[in-house]
């Protein structure tokens, strides 16, 4: 995750350097998982718009 946007949206950079706008999925909001810049997250991309997605879970940090 690289940027917090207004209205509970997040800008996320994928492994292939593509950037998409995503929102937190139901489970993430329901369980109150705090997302901050620098977190690694798992996304589900929208089948209709490749620039949009849903954050399905936060992944463990990779080291230090």
C-alpha atoms as a PDB file:
ATOM      1  CA  UNK A   1       0.000   0.000   0.000  1.00  0.00           C
ATOM      2  CA  UNK A   2       1.492   3.332  -0.985  1.00  0.00           C
ATOM      3  CA  UNK A   3      -1.128   5.996  -0.225  1.00  0.00           C
ATOM      4  CA  UNK A   4      -4.258   6.646   1.848  1.00  0.00           C
ATOM      5  CA  UNK A   5      -7.040   8.363  -0.104  1.00  0.00           C
ATOM      6  CA  UNK A   6     -10.269  10.038   1.044  1.00  0.00           C
ATOM      7  CA  UNK A   7     -13.465   8.007   1.559  1.00  0.00           C
ATOM      8  CA  UNK A   8     -11.721   4.846   2.843  1.00  0.00           C
ATOM      9  CA  UNK A   9      -9.813   4.205  -0.395  1.00  0.00           C
ATOM     10  CA  UNK A  10      -6.195   3.125  -0.740  1.00  0.00           C
ATOM     11  CA  UNK A  11      -3.695   3.333  -3.612  1.00  0.00           C
ATOM     12  CA  UNK A  12      -1.874   0.018  -3.922  1.00  0.00           C
ATOM     13  CA  UNK A  13       1.125  -0.876  -6.079  1.00  0.00           C
ATOM     14  CA  UNK A  14       1.122  -4.415  -7.473  1.00  0.00           C
ATOM     15  CA  UNK A  15       4.202  -6.600  -7.942  1.00  0.00           C
ATOM     16  CA  UNK A  16       4.308  -5.659 -11.646  1.00  0.00           C
ATOM     17  CA  UNK A  17       4.467  -1.931 -10.671  1.00  0.00           C
ATOM     18  CA  UNK A  18       0.860  -1.277 -11.768  1.00  0.00           C
ATOM     19  CA  UNK A  19      -1.103   0.987  -9.409  1.00  0.00           C
ATOM     20  CA  UNK A  20      -4.758   0.440  -8.526  1.00  0.00           C
ATOM     21  CA  UNK A  21      -7.289   2.064  -6.209  1.00  0.00           C
ATOM     22  CA  UNK A  22      -8.759  -0.350  -3.664  1.00  0.00           C
ATOM     23  CA  UNK A  23     -11.185  -0.391  -0.754  1.00  0.00           C
ATOM     24  CA  UNK A  24     -11.151  -2.622   2.306  1.00  0.00           C
ATOM     25  CA  UNK A  25     -13.312  -5.739   2.009  1.00  0.00           C
ATOM     26  CA  UNK A  26     -16.079  -6.612   4.467  1.00  0.00           C
ATOM     27  CA  UNK A  27     -13.991  -8.843   6.741  1.00  0.00           C
ATOM     28  CA  UNK A  28     -11.226  -6.243   6.991  1.00  0.00           C
ATOM     29  CA  UNK A  29     -13.696  -3.557   8.079  1.00  0.00           C
ATOM     30  CA  UNK A  30     -15.759  -5.835  10.304  1.00  0.00           C
ATOM     31  CA  UNK A  31     -12.719  -7.036  12.271  1.00  0.00           C
ATOM     32  CA  UNK A  32     -11.211  -3.520  12.372  1.00  0.00           C
ATOM     33  CA  UNK A  33      -7.859  -4.233  10.773  1.00  0.00           C
ATOM     34  CA  UNK A  34      -5.902  -0.985  10.678  1.00  0.00           C
ATOM     35  CA  UNK A  35      -4.175  -0.500   7.329  1.00  0.00           C
ATOM     36  CA  UNK A  36      -1.204   1.861   7.062  1.00  0.00           C
ATOM     37  CA  UNK A  37       1.148   2.919   4.278  1.00  0.00           C
ATOM     38  CA  UNK A  38       3.798   0.260   3.734  1.00  0.00           C
ATOM     39  CA  UNK A  39       1.569  -2.723   4.584  1.00  0.00           C
ATOM     40  CA  UNK A  40       1.597  -5.652   2.182  1.00  0.00           C
ATOM     41  CA  UNK A  41      -1.965  -6.645   1.283  1.00  0.00           C
ATOM     42  CA  UNK A  42      -3.738  -9.237  -0.832  1.00  0.00           C
ATOM     43  CA  UNK A  43      -6.114  -7.868  -3.488  1.00  0.00           C
ATOM     44  CA  UNK A  44      -8.967  -9.123  -5.584  1.00  0.00           C
ATOM     45  CA  UNK A  45      -9.089  -7.110  -8.809  1.00  0.00           C
ATOM     46  CA  UNK A  46     -12.389  -6.061 -10.323  1.00  0.00           C
ATOM     47  CA  UNK A  47     -13.281  -8.037 -13.465  1.00  0.00           C
ATOM     48  CA  UNK A  48     -14.821  -4.910 -15.019  1.00  0.00           C
ATOM     49  CA  UNK A  49     -12.130  -2.329 -14.216  1.00  0.00           C
ATOM     50  CA  UNK A  50      -8.461  -3.322 -13.910  1.00  0.00           C
ATOM     51  CA  UNK A  51      -7.740  -0.099 -11.995  1.00  0.00           C
ATOM     52  CA  UNK A  52     -10.008  -1.013  -9.056  1.00  0.00           C
ATOM     53  CA  UNK A  53      -9.806  -3.715  -6.422  1.00  0.00           C
ATOM     54  CA  UNK A  54     -10.776  -4.948  -2.965  1.00  0.00           C
ATOM     55  CA  UNK A  55      -8.312  -5.568  -0.150  1.00  0.00           C
ATOM     56  CA  UNK A  56      -9.067  -9.049   1.161  1.00  0.00           C
ATOM     57  CA  UNK A  57      -6.345  -9.394   3.804  1.00  0.00           C
ATOM     58  CA  UNK A  58      -3.188  -7.872   5.231  1.00  0.00           C
ATOM     59  CA  UNK A  59      -0.075 -10.003   4.769  1.00  0.00           C
ATOM     60  CA  UNK A  60       2.697 -10.436   7.342  1.00  0.00           C
ATOM     61  CA  UNK A  61       5.520  -7.918   7.078  1.00  0.00           C
ATOM     62  CA  UNK A  62       8.655  -9.042   5.285  1.00  0.00           C
ATOM     63  CA  UNK A  63      11.411  -8.610   7.879  1.00  0.00           C
ATOM     64  CA  UNK A  64      12.767  -5.663   9.879  1.00  0.00           C
END
